[in-house]
Amino acid sequence: MDEFKDLLSYGILMKPTSYSKLKLAIEELTTKEWFRELYKVPCYNTTIWKDKQVKRILLDSQKIKMIKQDQYHAMKFVNLVKELAK
């Protein structure tokens, strides 16, 4: 029974939360200069962390990959953050 409790608690504790996934996505994007510049601005930083629409994009690994690889998607993301921060 103790083994089951240990396994269950490990599964609960090691399950990534949306916060940790968001943090990893932001860390991944900070490799790009344009994102670092956007992230430095306090109102944009707040929007990145708090806005549901932006968080939904950042929690999708396929969208992160597109943003990192394609300048068009990167600029769409930047424009979205700037628009939502107003």
PDB file of N, CA and C in Angstrom:
ATOM      1  N   MET A   1       0.824  -1.199   0.000  1.00  0.00           N
ATOM      2  CA  MET A   1       0.000   0.000   0.000  1.00  0.00           C
ATOM      3  C   MET A   1       0.867   1.262   0.000  1.00  0.00           C
ATOM      4  N   ASP A   2       1.971   1.211   0.725  1.00  0.00           N
ATOM      5  CA  ASP A   2       2.864   2.363   0.776  1.00  0.00           C
ATOM      6  C   ASP A   2       3.463   2.653  -0.600  1.00  0.00           C
ATOM      7  N   GLU A   3       3.747   1.589  -1.359  1.00  0.00           N
ATOM      8  CA  GLU A   3       4.285   1.785  -2.703  1.00  0.00           C
ATOM      9  C   GLU A   3       3.287   2.516  -3.585  1.00  0.00           C
ATOM     10  N   PHE A   4       2.007   2.181  -3.446  1.00  0.00           N
ATOM     11  CA  PHE A   4       0.962   2.837  -4.226  1.00  0.00           C
ATOM     12  C   PHE A   4       0.880   4.316  -3.857  1.00  0.00           C
ATOM     13  N   LYS A   5       0.947   4.626  -2.578  1.00  0.00           N
ATOM     14  CA  LYS A   5       0.909   6.024  -2.136  1.00  0.00           C
ATOM     15  C   LYS A   5       2.117   6.796  -2.675  1.00  0.00           C
ATOM     16  N   ASP A   6       3.284   6.159  -2.639  1.00  0.00           N
ATOM     17  CA  ASP A   6       4.487   6.800  -3.162  1.00  0.00           C
ATOM     18  C   ASP A   6       4.350   7.070  -4.661  1.00  0.00           C
ATOM     19  N   LEU A   7       3.841   6.082  -5.388  1.00  0.00           N
ATOM     20  CA  LEU A   7       3.658   6.232  -6.826  1.00  0.00           C
ATOM     21  C   LEU A   7       2.635   7.325  -7.131  1.00  0.00           C
ATOM     22  N   LEU A   8       1.553   7.350  -6.395  1.00  0.00           N
ATOM     23  CA  LEU A   8       0.504   8.350  -6.583  1.00  0.00           C
ATOM     24  C   LEU A   8       1.028   9.753  -6.275  1.00  0.00           C
ATOM     25  N   SER A   9       1.727   9.908  -5.168  1.00  0.00           N
ATOM     26  CA  SER A   9       2.250  11.228  -4.813  1.00  0.00           C
ATOM     27  C   SER A   9       3.314  11.677  -5.815  1.00  0.00           C
ATOM     28  N   TYR A  10       4.117  10.750  -6.320  1.00  0.00           N
ATOM     29  CA  TYR A  10       5.108  11.108  -7.330  1.00  0.00           C
ATOM     30  C   TYR A  10       4.417  11.613  -8.596  1.00  0.00           C
ATOM     31  N   GLY A  11       3.357  10.929  -9.004  1.00  0.00           N
ATOM     32  CA  GLY A  11       2.605  11.337 -10.195  1.00  0.00           C
ATOM     33  C   GLY A  11       1.980  12.707 -10.037  1.00  0.00           C
ATOM     34  N   ILE A  12       1.486  12.999  -8.861  1.00  0.00           N
ATOM     35  CA  ILE A  12       0.861  14.290  -8.613  1.00  0.00           C
ATOM     36  C   ILE A  12       1.916  15.385  -8.553  1.00  0.00           C
ATOM     37  N   LEU A  13       3.000  15.142  -7.861  1.00  0.00           N
ATOM     38  CA  LEU A  13       4.034  16.158  -7.694  1.00  0.00           C
ATOM     39  C   LEU A  13       4.823  16.411  -8.973  1.00  0.00           C
ATOM     40  N   MET A  14       4.991  15.418  -9.804  1.00  0.00           N
ATOM     41  CA  MET A  14       5.814  15.565 -10.991  1.00  0.00           C
ATOM     42  C   MET A  14       5.015  15.985 -12.222  1.00  0.00           C
ATOM     43  N   LYS A  15       3.687  16.043 -12.101  1.00  0.00           N
ATOM     44  CA  LYS A  15       2.874  16.465 -13.233  1.00  0.00           C
ATOM     45  C   LYS A  15       3.106  17.950 -13.478  1.00  0.00           C
ATOM     46  N   PRO A  16       3.509  18.298 -14.710  1.00  0.00           N
ATOM     47  CA  PRO A  16       3.757  19.720 -14.967  1.00  0.00           C
ATOM     48  C   PRO A  16       2.467  20.529 -14.916  1.00  0.00           C
ATOM     49  N   THR A  17       2.542  21.651 -14.289  1.00  0.00           N
ATOM     50  CA  THR A  17       1.385  22.533 -14.206  1.00  0.00           C
ATOM     51  C   THR A  17       1.412  23.493 -15.379  1.00  0.00           C
ATOM     52  N   SER A  18       0.326  24.186 -15.586  1.00  0.00           N
ATOM     53  CA  SER A  18       0.304  25.150 -16.680  1.00  0.00           C
ATOM     54  C   SER A  18       1.316  26.262 -16.416  1.00  0.00           C
ATOM     55  N   TYR A  19       1.550  26.590 -15.138  1.00  0.00           N
ATOM     56  CA  TYR A  19       2.548  27.602 -14.801  1.00  0.00           C
ATOM     57  C   TYR A  19       3.937  27.155 -15.223  1.00  0.00           C
ATOM     58  N   SER A  20       4.287  25.924 -14.914  1.00  0.00           N
ATOM     59  CA  SER A  20       5.624  25.444 -15.269  1.00  0.00           C
ATOM     60  C   SER A  20       5.771  25.310 -16.782  1.00  0.00           C
ATOM     61  N   LYS A  21       4.697  24.899 -17.463  1.00  0.00           N
ATOM     62  CA  LYS A  21       4.749  24.823 -18.923  1.00  0.00           C
ATOM     63  C   LYS A  21       4.911  26.215 -19.522  1.00  0.00           C
ATOM     64  N   LEU A  22       4.203  27.178 -18.964  1.00  0.00           N
ATOM     65  CA  LEU A  22       4.304  28.555 -19.438  1.00  0.00           C
ATOM     66  C   LEU A  22       5.716  29.088 -19.215  1.00  0.00           C
ATOM     67  N   LYS A  23       6.270  28.812 -18.052  1.00  0.00           N
ATOM     68  CA  LYS A  23       7.628  29.251 -17.737  1.00  0.00           C
ATOM     69  C   LYS A  23       8.634  28.644 -18.712  1.00  0.00           C
ATOM     70  N   LEU A  24       8.489  27.368 -19.036  1.00  0.00           N
ATOM     71  CA  LEU A  24       9.389  26.712 -19.984  1.00  0.00           C
ATOM     72  C   LEU A  24       9.247  27.304 -21.381  1.00  0.00           C
ATOM     73  N   ALA A  25       8.020  27.605 -21.791  1.00  0.00           N
ATOM     74  CA  ALA A  25       7.793  28.202 -23.110  1.00  0.00           C
ATOM     75  C   ALA A  25       8.438  29.580 -23.190  1.00  0.00           C
ATOM     76  N   ILE A  26       8.313  30.354 -22.130  1.00  0.00           N
ATOM     77  CA  ILE A  26       8.924  31.690 -22.103  1.00  0.00           C
ATOM     78  C   ILE A  26      10.439  31.566 -22.135  1.00  0.00           C
ATOM     79  N   GLU A  27      10.989  30.630 -21.384  1.00  0.00           N
ATOM     80  CA  GLU A  27      12.438  30.418 -21.400  1.00  0.00           C
ATOM     81  C   GLU A  27      12.917  30.000 -22.792  1.00  0.00           C
ATOM     82  N   GLU A  28      12.120  29.187 -23.463  1.00  0.00           N
ATOM     83  CA  GLU A  28      12.485  28.756 -24.813  1.00  0.00           C
ATOM     84  C   GLU A  28      12.488  29.934 -25.780  1.00  0.00           C
ATOM     85  N   LEU A  29      11.517  30.825 -25.639  1.00  0.00           N
ATOM     86  CA  LEU A  29      11.441  31.977 -26.541  1.00  0.00           C
ATOM     87  C   LEU A  29      12.498  33.046 -26.227  1.00  0.00           C
ATOM     88  N   THR A  30      13.025  33.043 -25.034  1.00  0.00           N
ATOM     89  CA  THR A  30      14.029  34.058 -24.698  1.00  0.00           C
ATOM     90  C   THR A  30      15.341  33.850 -25.451  1.00  0.00           C
ATOM     91  N   THR A  31      15.451  32.775 -26.186  1.00  0.00           N
ATOM     92  CA  THR A  31      16.623  32.598 -27.043  1.00  0.00           C
ATOM     93  C   THR A  31      16.579  33.557 -28.226  1.00  0.00           C
ATOM     94  N   LYS A  32      15.407  34.101 -28.494  1.00  0.00           N
ATOM     95  CA  LYS A  32      15.235  35.038 -29.607  1.00  0.00           C
ATOM     96  C   LYS A  32      15.326  36.472 -29.100  1.00  0.00           C
ATOM     97  N   GLU A  33      16.088  37.289 -29.797  1.00  0.00           N
ATOM     98  CA  GLU A  33      16.301  38.688 -29.410  1.00  0.00           C
ATOM     99  C   GLU A  33      14.995  39.480 -29.376  1.00  0.00           C
ATOM    100  N   TRP A  34      14.137  39.285 -30.380  1.00  0.00           N
ATOM    101  CA  TRP A  34      12.885  40.041 -30.447  1.00  0.00           C
ATOM    102  C   TRP A  34      12.005  39.767 -29.226  1.00  0.00           C
ATOM    103  N   PHE A  35      12.025  38.515 -28.740  1.00  0.00           N
ATOM    104  CA  PHE A  35      11.208  38.190 -27.568  1.00  0.00           C
ATOM    105  C   PHE A  35      11.807  38.799 -26.307  1.00  0.00           C
ATOM    106  N   ARG A  36      13.124  38.790 -26.191  1.00  0.00           N
ATOM    107  CA  ARG A  36      13.762  39.403 -25.017  1.00  0.00           C
ATOM    108  C   ARG A  36      13.430  40.882 -24.930  1.00  0.00           C
ATOM    109  N   GLU A  37      13.440  41.558 -26.077  1.00  0.00           N
ATOM    110  CA  GLU A  37      13.103  42.989 -26.093  1.00  0.00           C
ATOM    111  C   GLU A  37      11.643  43.209 -25.694  1.00  0.00           C
ATOM    112  N   LEU A  38      10.762  42.360 -26.184  1.00  0.00           N
ATOM    113  CA  LEU A  38       9.339  42.463 -25.835  1.00  0.00           C
ATOM    114  C   LEU A  38       9.137  42.182 -24.347  1.00  0.00           C
ATOM    115  N   TYR A  39       9.820  41.178 -23.842  1.00  0.00           N
ATOM    116  CA  TYR A  39       9.655  40.728 -22.460  1.00  0.00           C
ATOM    117  C   TYR A  39      10.174  41.746 -21.450  1.00  0.00           C
ATOM    118  N   LYS A  40      11.116  42.603 -21.848  1.00  0.00           N
ATOM    119  CA  LYS A  40      11.680  43.616 -20.943  1.00  0.00           C
ATOM    120  C   LYS A  40      10.669  44.691 -20.567  1.00  0.00           C
ATOM    121  N   VAL A  41       9.715  44.963 -21.455  1.00  0.00           N
ATOM    122  CA  VAL A  41       8.731  46.025 -21.223  1.00  0.00           C
ATOM    123  C   VAL A  41       7.703  45.516 -20.212  1.00  0.00           C
ATOM    124  N   PRO A  42       7.548  46.206 -19.075  1.00  0.00           N
ATOM    125  CA  PRO A  42       6.680  45.705 -18.005  1.00  0.00           C
ATOM    126  C   PRO A  42       5.230  45.417 -18.423  1.00  0.00           C
ATOM    127  N   CYS A  43       4.632  46.278 -19.216  1.00  0.00           N
ATOM    128  CA  CYS A  43       3.224  46.029 -19.585  1.00  0.00           C
ATOM    129  C   CYS A  43       3.108  44.810 -20.506  1.00  0.00           C
ATOM    130  N   TYR A  44       4.104  44.586 -21.363  1.00  0.00           N
ATOM    131  CA  TYR A  44       4.083  43.409 -22.230  1.00  0.00           C
ATOM    132  C   TYR A  44       4.381  42.143 -21.420  1.00  0.00           C
ATOM    133  N   ASN A  45       5.275  42.263 -20.464  1.00  0.00           N
ATOM    134  CA  ASN A  45       5.595  41.144 -19.584  1.00  0.00           C
ATOM    135  C   ASN A  45       4.343  40.679 -18.850  1.00  0.00           C
ATOM    136  N   THR A  46       3.599  41.629 -18.320  1.00  0.00           N
ATOM    137  CA  THR A  46       2.363  41.301 -17.606  1.00  0.00           C
ATOM    138  C   THR A  46       1.369  40.638 -18.541  1.00  0.00           C
ATOM    139  N   THR A  47       1.249  41.148 -19.743  1.00  0.00           N
ATOM    140  CA  THR A  47       0.327  40.560 -20.715  1.00  0.00           C
ATOM    141  C   THR A  47       0.726  39.132 -21.047  1.00  0.00           C
ATOM    142  N   ILE A  48       2.001  38.885 -21.217  1.00  0.00           N
ATOM    143  CA  ILE A  48       2.481  37.533 -21.529  1.00  0.00           C
ATOM    144  C   ILE A  48       2.116  36.561 -20.417  1.00  0.00           C
ATOM    145  N   TRP A  49       2.255  36.981 -19.177  1.00  0.00           N
ATOM    146  CA  TRP A  49       1.973  36.087 -18.048  1.00  0.00           C
ATOM    147  C   TRP A  49       0.499  35.975 -17.695  1.00  0.00           C
ATOM    148  N   LYS A  50      -0.288  37.013 -17.950  1.00  0.00           N
ATOM    149  CA  LYS A  50      -1.659  37.046 -17.425  1.00  0.00           C
ATOM    150  C   LYS A  50      -2.758  36.832 -18.463  1.00  0.00           C
ATOM    151  N   ASP A  51      -2.541  37.213 -19.720  1.00  0.00           N
ATOM    152  CA  ASP A  51      -3.616  37.162 -20.705  1.00  0.00           C
ATOM    153  C   ASP A  51      -3.908  35.723 -21.153  1.00  0.00           C
ATOM    154  N   LYS A  52      -5.177  35.355 -21.143  1.00  0.00           N
ATOM    155  CA  LYS A  52      -5.565  33.987 -21.492  1.00  0.00           C
ATOM    156  C   LYS A  52      -5.238  33.637 -22.938  1.00  0.00           C
ATOM    157  N   GLN A  53      -5.443  34.574 -23.835  1.00  0.00           N
ATOM    158  CA  GLN A  53      -5.188  34.322 -25.252  1.00  0.00           C
ATOM    159  C   GLN A  53      -3.693  34.073 -25.505  1.00  0.00           C
ATOM    160  N   VAL A  54      -2.858  34.860 -24.889  1.00  0.00           N
ATOM    161  CA  VAL A  54      -1.404  34.693 -25.046  1.00  0.00           C
ATOM    162  C   VAL A  54      -0.956  33.395 -24.381  1.00  0.00           C
ATOM    163  N   LYS A  55      -1.474  33.117 -23.198  1.00  0.00           N
ATOM    164  CA  LYS A  55      -1.110  31.880 -22.503  1.00  0.00           C
ATOM    165  C   LYS A  55      -1.516  30.657 -23.310  1.00  0.00           C
ATOM    166  N   ARG A  56      -2.670  30.711 -23.958  1.00  0.00           N
ATOM    167  CA  ARG A  56      -3.125  29.593 -24.776  1.00  0.00           C
ATOM    168  C   ARG A  56      -2.128  29.327 -25.912  1.00  0.00           C
ATOM    169  N   ILE A  57      -1.608  30.386 -26.495  1.00  0.00           N
ATOM    170  CA  ILE A  57      -0.614  30.235 -27.565  1.00  0.00           C
ATOM    171  C   ILE A  57       0.678  29.646 -27.001  1.00  0.00           C
ATOM    172  N   LEU A  58       1.123  30.178 -25.877  1.00  0.00           N
ATOM    173  CA  LEU A  58       2.399  29.741 -25.303  1.00  0.00           C
ATOM    174  C   LEU A  58       2.354  28.317 -24.762  1.00  0.00           C
ATOM    175  N   LEU A  59       1.187  27.832 -24.412  1.00  0.00           N
ATOM    176  CA  LEU A  59       1.081  26.473 -23.889  1.00  0.00           C
ATOM    177  C   LEU A  59       0.970  25.426 -25.004  1.00  0.00           C
ATOM    178  N   ASP A  60       0.903  25.870 -26.243  1.00  0.00           N
ATOM    179  CA  ASP A  60       0.823  24.960 -27.384  1.00  0.00           C
ATOM    180  C   ASP A  60       2.219  24.818 -28.005  1.00  0.00           C
ATOM    181  N   SER A  61       2.808  23.652 -27.895  1.00  0.00           N
ATOM    182  CA  SER A  61       4.177  23.451 -28.360  1.00  0.00           C
ATOM    183  C   SER A  61       4.315  23.654 -29.871  1.00  0.00           C
ATOM    184  N   GLN A  62       3.287  23.320 -30.626  1.00  0.00           N
ATOM    185  CA  GLN A  62       3.340  23.527 -32.078  1.00  0.00           C
ATOM    186  C   GLN A  62       3.382  25.012 -32.422  1.00  0.00           C
ATOM    187  N   LYS A  63       2.615  25.806 -31.698  1.00  0.00           N
ATOM    188  CA  LYS A  63       2.603  27.243 -31.943  1.00  0.00           C
ATOM    189  C   LYS A  63       3.934  27.880 -31.542  1.00  0.00           C
ATOM    190  N   ILE A  64       4.520  27.394 -30.468  1.00  0.00           N
ATOM    191  CA  ILE A  64       5.836  27.894 -30.052  1.00  0.00           C
ATOM    192  C   ILE A  64       6.861  27.605 -31.143  1.00  0.00           C
ATOM    193  N   LYS A  65       6.815  26.403 -31.680  1.00  0.00           N
ATOM    194  CA  LYS A  65       7.745  26.027 -32.741  1.00  0.00           C
ATOM    195  C   LYS A  65       7.564  26.939 -33.962  1.00  0.00           C
ATOM    196  N   MET A  66       6.315  27.215 -34.341  1.00  0.00           N
ATOM    197  CA  MET A  66       6.053  28.098 -35.481  1.00  0.00           C
ATOM    198  C   MET A  66       6.558  29.514 -35.199  1.00  0.00           C
ATOM    199  N   ILE A  67       6.329  30.003 -33.990  1.00  0.00           N
ATOM    200  CA  ILE A  67       6.771  31.353 -33.633  1.00  0.00           C
ATOM    201  C   ILE A  67       8.293  31.455 -33.685  1.00  0.00           C
ATOM    202  N   LYS A  68       8.974  30.425 -33.215  1.00  0.00           N
ATOM    203  CA  LYS A  68      10.438  30.455 -33.214  1.00  0.00           C
ATOM    204  C   LYS A  68      11.031  30.349 -34.615  1.00  0.00           C
ATOM    205  N   GLN A  69      10.373  29.614 -35.501  1.00  0.00           N
ATOM    206  CA  GLN A  69      10.952  29.338 -36.810  1.00  0.00           C
ATOM    207  C   GLN A  69      10.546  30.333 -37.891  1.00  0.00           C
ATOM    208  N   ASP A  70       9.375  30.927 -37.759  1.00  0.00           N
ATOM    209  CA  ASP A  70       8.841  31.755 -38.840  1.00  0.00           C
ATOM    210  C   ASP A  70       8.694  33.202 -38.383  1.00  0.00           C
ATOM    211  N   GLN A  71       9.317  34.106 -39.091  1.00  0.00           N
ATOM    212  CA  GLN A  71       9.278  35.530 -38.750  1.00  0.00           C
ATOM    213  C   GLN A  71       7.854  36.081 -38.806  1.00  0.00           C
ATOM    214  N   TYR A  72       7.048  35.599 -39.736  1.00  0.00           N
ATOM    215  CA  TYR A  72       5.659  36.058 -39.864  1.00  0.00           C
ATOM    216  C   TYR A  72       4.872  35.758 -38.589  1.00  0.00           C
ATOM    217  N   HIS A  73       4.977  34.516 -38.091  1.00  0.00           N
ATOM    218  CA  HIS A  73       4.261  34.141 -36.869  1.00  0.00           C
ATOM    219  C   HIS A  73       4.818  34.874 -35.645  1.00  0.00           C
ATOM    220  N   ALA A  74       6.105  35.125 -35.655  1.00  0.00           N
ATOM    221  CA  ALA A  74       6.716  35.870 -34.552  1.00  0.00           C
ATOM    222  C   ALA A  74       6.150  37.288 -34.502  1.00  0.00           C
ATOM    223  N   MET A  75       6.035  37.929 -35.654  1.00  0.00           N
ATOM    224  CA  MET A  75       5.508  39.299 -35.694  1.00  0.00           C
ATOM    225  C   MET A  75       4.017  39.330 -35.353  1.00  0.00           C
ATOM    226  N   LYS A  76       3.286  38.284 -35.748  1.00  0.00           N
ATOM    227  CA  LYS A  76       1.875  38.205 -35.355  1.00  0.00           C
ATOM    228  C   LYS A  76       1.754  38.108 -33.832  1.00  0.00           C
ATOM    229  N   PHE A  77       2.634  37.336 -33.217  1.00  0.00           N
ATOM    230  CA  PHE A  77       2.621  37.189 -31.764  1.00  0.00           C
ATOM    231  C   PHE A  77       2.959  38.511 -31.085  1.00  0.00           C
ATOM    232  N   VAL A  78       3.985  39.186 -31.579  1.00  0.00           N
ATOM    233  CA  VAL A  78       4.387  40.481 -31.018  1.00  0.00           C
ATOM    234  C   VAL A  78       3.237  41.481 -31.132  1.00  0.00           C
ATOM    235  N   ASN A  79       2.616  41.536 -32.292  1.00  0.00           N
ATOM    236  CA  ASN A  79       1.502  42.463 -32.490  1.00  0.00           C
ATOM    237  C   ASN A  79       0.326  42.132 -31.575  1.00  0.00           C
ATOM    238  N   LEU A  80       0.063  40.843 -31.370  1.00  0.00           N
ATOM    239  CA  LEU A  80      -1.018  40.441 -30.473  1.00  0.00           C
ATOM    240  C   LEU A  80      -0.731  40.908 -29.052  1.00  0.00           C
ATOM    241  N   VAL A  81       0.489  40.684 -28.576  1.00  0.00           N
ATOM    242  CA  VAL A  81       0.849  41.095 -27.213  1.00  0.00           C
ATOM    243  C   VAL A  81       0.723  42.615 -27.072  1.00  0.00           C
ATOM    244  N   LYS A  82       1.208  43.341 -28.063  1.00  0.00           N
ATOM    245  CA  LYS A  82       1.138  44.797 -28.004  1.00  0.00           C
ATOM    246  C   LYS A  82      -0.306  45.293 -28.021  1.00  0.00           C
ATOM    247  N   GLU A  83      -1.136  44.654 -28.828  1.00  0.00           N
ATOM    248  CA  GLU A  83      -2.553  45.028 -28.924  1.00  0.00           C
ATOM    249  C   GLU A  83      -3.279  44.746 -27.586  1.00  0.00           C
ATOM    250  N   LEU A  84      -3.013  43.604 -27.006  1.00  0.00           N
ATOM    251  CA  LEU A  84      -3.676  43.246 -25.747  1.00  0.00           C
ATOM    252  C   LEU A  84      -3.179  44.066 -24.570  1.00  0.00           C
ATOM    253  N   ALA A  85      -1.993  44.594 -24.669  1.00  0.00           N
ATOM    254  CA  ALA A  85      -1.423  45.380 -23.567  1.00  0.00           C
ATOM    255  C   ALA A  85      -2.007  46.797 -23.498  1.00  0.00           C
ATOM    256  N   LYS A  86      -2.676  47.230 -24.530  1.00  0.00           N
ATOM    257  CA  LYS A  86      -3.226  48.604 -24.557  1.00  0.00           C
ATOM    258  C   LYS A  86      -4.322  48.789 -23.543  1.00  0.00           C
TER     259      LYS A  86
END
